[in-house]
Amino acid sequence: MQLFYGEGVRSVSIDAVVEKAGGTKRTIYYHFSSKGELVVAYLDDRDLPNLILFKRWFDESEGDLS
């Protein structure tokens, strides 16, 4: 999603995403109901490894977290 980082989420069209991905609008909209949903899915996927790592650190930490 360097396209979004380089040009900004608002200025990037679905057409630009489709061109960069090499797919079709139909395929994008089959999986995502909007550009916003696509961005959220990307961010969730991007952050998942960090969230897993943070959970492991919290689980392995000593002490009372309350």
C-alpha atoms as a PDB file:
ATOM      1  CA  MET A   1       0.000   0.000   0.000  1.00  0.00           C
ATOM      2  CA  GLN A   2       2.847   2.341  -0.718  1.00  0.00           C
ATOM      3  CA  LEU A   3       0.406   3.983  -3.090  1.00  0.00           C
ATOM      4  CA  PHE A   4      -1.604   5.273  -0.128  1.00  0.00           C
ATOM      5  CA  TYR A   5       1.511   6.366   1.747  1.00  0.00           C
ATOM      6  CA  GLY A   6       2.951   8.134  -1.273  1.00  0.00           C
ATOM      7  CA  GLU A   7      -0.172   9.952  -2.440  1.00  0.00           C
ATOM      8  CA  GLY A   8      -2.506   9.825   0.553  1.00  0.00           C
ATOM      9  CA  VAL A   9      -5.568   7.666   1.085  1.00  0.00           C
ATOM     10  CA  ARG A  10      -8.033  10.330  -0.070  1.00  0.00           C
ATOM     11  CA  SER A  11      -6.263  11.103  -3.324  1.00  0.00           C
ATOM     12  CA  VAL A  12      -5.787   7.477  -4.443  1.00  0.00           C
ATOM     13  CA  SER A  13      -8.693   6.139  -6.479  1.00  0.00           C
ATOM     14  CA  ILE A  14      -9.891   2.569  -6.621  1.00  0.00           C
ATOM     15  CA  ASP A  15      -8.843   2.647 -10.275  1.00  0.00           C
ATOM     16  CA  ALA A  16      -5.268   3.376  -9.165  1.00  0.00           C
ATOM     17  CA  VAL A  17      -5.410   0.535  -6.628  1.00  0.00           C
ATOM     18  CA  VAL A  18      -6.711  -1.859  -9.293  1.00  0.00           C
ATOM     19  CA  GLU A  19      -4.003  -0.788 -11.734  1.00  0.00           C
ATOM     20  CA  LYS A  20      -1.265  -1.212  -9.129  1.00  0.00           C
ATOM     21  CA  ALA A  21      -2.636  -4.593  -7.987  1.00  0.00           C
ATOM     22  CA  GLY A  22      -3.183  -5.847 -11.518  1.00  0.00           C
ATOM     23  CA  GLY A  23      -6.751  -6.926 -10.804  1.00  0.00           C
ATOM     24  CA  THR A  24     -10.221  -5.652 -11.546  1.00  0.00           C
ATOM     25  CA  LYS A  25     -12.680  -3.397  -9.746  1.00  0.00           C
ATOM     26  CA  ARG A  26     -15.056  -6.322  -9.554  1.00  0.00           C
ATOM     27  CA  THR A  27     -12.471  -8.356  -7.635  1.00  0.00           C
ATOM     28  CA  ILE A  28     -11.688  -5.501  -5.240  1.00  0.00           C
ATOM     29  CA  TYR A  29     -15.373  -4.884  -4.525  1.00  0.00           C
ATOM     30  CA  TYR A  30     -16.008  -8.616  -4.132  1.00  0.00           C
ATOM     31  CA  HIS A  31     -13.621  -8.621  -1.182  1.00  0.00           C
ATOM     32  CA  PHE A  32     -14.092  -5.063   0.143  1.00  0.00           C
ATOM     33  CA  SER A  33     -17.260  -2.965   0.134  1.00  0.00           C
ATOM     34  CA  SER A  34     -15.308   0.306  -0.027  1.00  0.00           C
ATOM     35  CA  LYS A  35     -11.853   1.817  -0.256  1.00  0.00           C
ATOM     36  CA  GLY A  36     -12.086   2.513   3.467  1.00  0.00           C
ATOM     37  CA  GLU A  37     -12.687  -1.165   4.201  1.00  0.00           C
ATOM     38  CA  LEU A  38      -9.663  -2.049   2.055  1.00  0.00           C
ATOM     39  CA  VAL A  39      -7.485   0.393   4.010  1.00  0.00           C
ATOM     40  CA  VAL A  40      -8.726  -0.968   7.361  1.00  0.00           C
ATOM     41  CA  ALA A  41      -7.985  -4.544   6.254  1.00  0.00           C
ATOM     42  CA  TYR A  42      -4.487  -3.536   5.188  1.00  0.00           C
ATOM     43  CA  LEU A  43      -3.790  -1.751   8.478  1.00  0.00           C
ATOM     44  CA  ASP A  44      -5.142  -4.682  10.499  1.00  0.00           C
ATOM     45  CA  ASP A  45      -2.913  -7.088   8.566  1.00  0.00           C
ATOM     46  CA  ARG A  46       0.090  -4.762   8.846  1.00  0.00           C
ATOM     47  CA  ASP A  47      -0.306  -4.438  12.623  1.00  0.00           C
ATOM     48  CA  LEU A  48      -1.022  -8.107  13.383  1.00  0.00           C
ATOM     49  CA  PRO A  49       2.622  -9.223  13.846  1.00  0.00           C
ATOM     50  CA  ASN A  50       3.203  -6.393  16.354  1.00  0.00           C
ATOM     51  CA  LEU A  51       0.009  -7.189  18.248  1.00  0.00           C
ATOM     52  CA  ILE A  52       1.035 -10.844  18.497  1.00  0.00           C
ATOM     53  CA  LEU A  53       4.466  -9.812  19.770  1.00  0.00           C
ATOM     54  CA  PHE A  54       2.976  -7.413  22.333  1.00  0.00           C
ATOM     55  CA  LYS A  55       0.621 -10.141  23.582  1.00  0.00           C
ATOM     56  CA  ARG A  56       3.541 -12.523  24.013  1.00  0.00           C
ATOM     57  CA  TRP A  57       5.518  -9.886  25.957  1.00  0.00           C
ATOM     58  CA  PHE A  58       2.549  -9.190  28.226  1.00  0.00           C
ATOM     59  CA  ASP A  59       1.934 -12.914  28.757  1.00  0.00           C
ATOM     60  CA  GLU A  60       5.606 -13.468  29.629  1.00  0.00           C
ATOM     61  CA  SER A  61       5.948 -10.444  31.894  1.00  0.00           C
ATOM     62  CA  GLU A  62       6.033 -10.761  35.633  1.00  0.00           C
ATOM     63  CA  GLY A  63       4.007  -8.694  38.002  1.00  0.00           C
ATOM     64  CA  ASP A  64       0.467  -7.504  38.380  1.00  0.00           C
ATOM     65  CA  LEU A  65      -0.843  -5.521  35.421  1.00  0.00           C
ATOM     66  CA  SER A  66      -4.027  -4.404  37.188  1.00  0.00           C
END
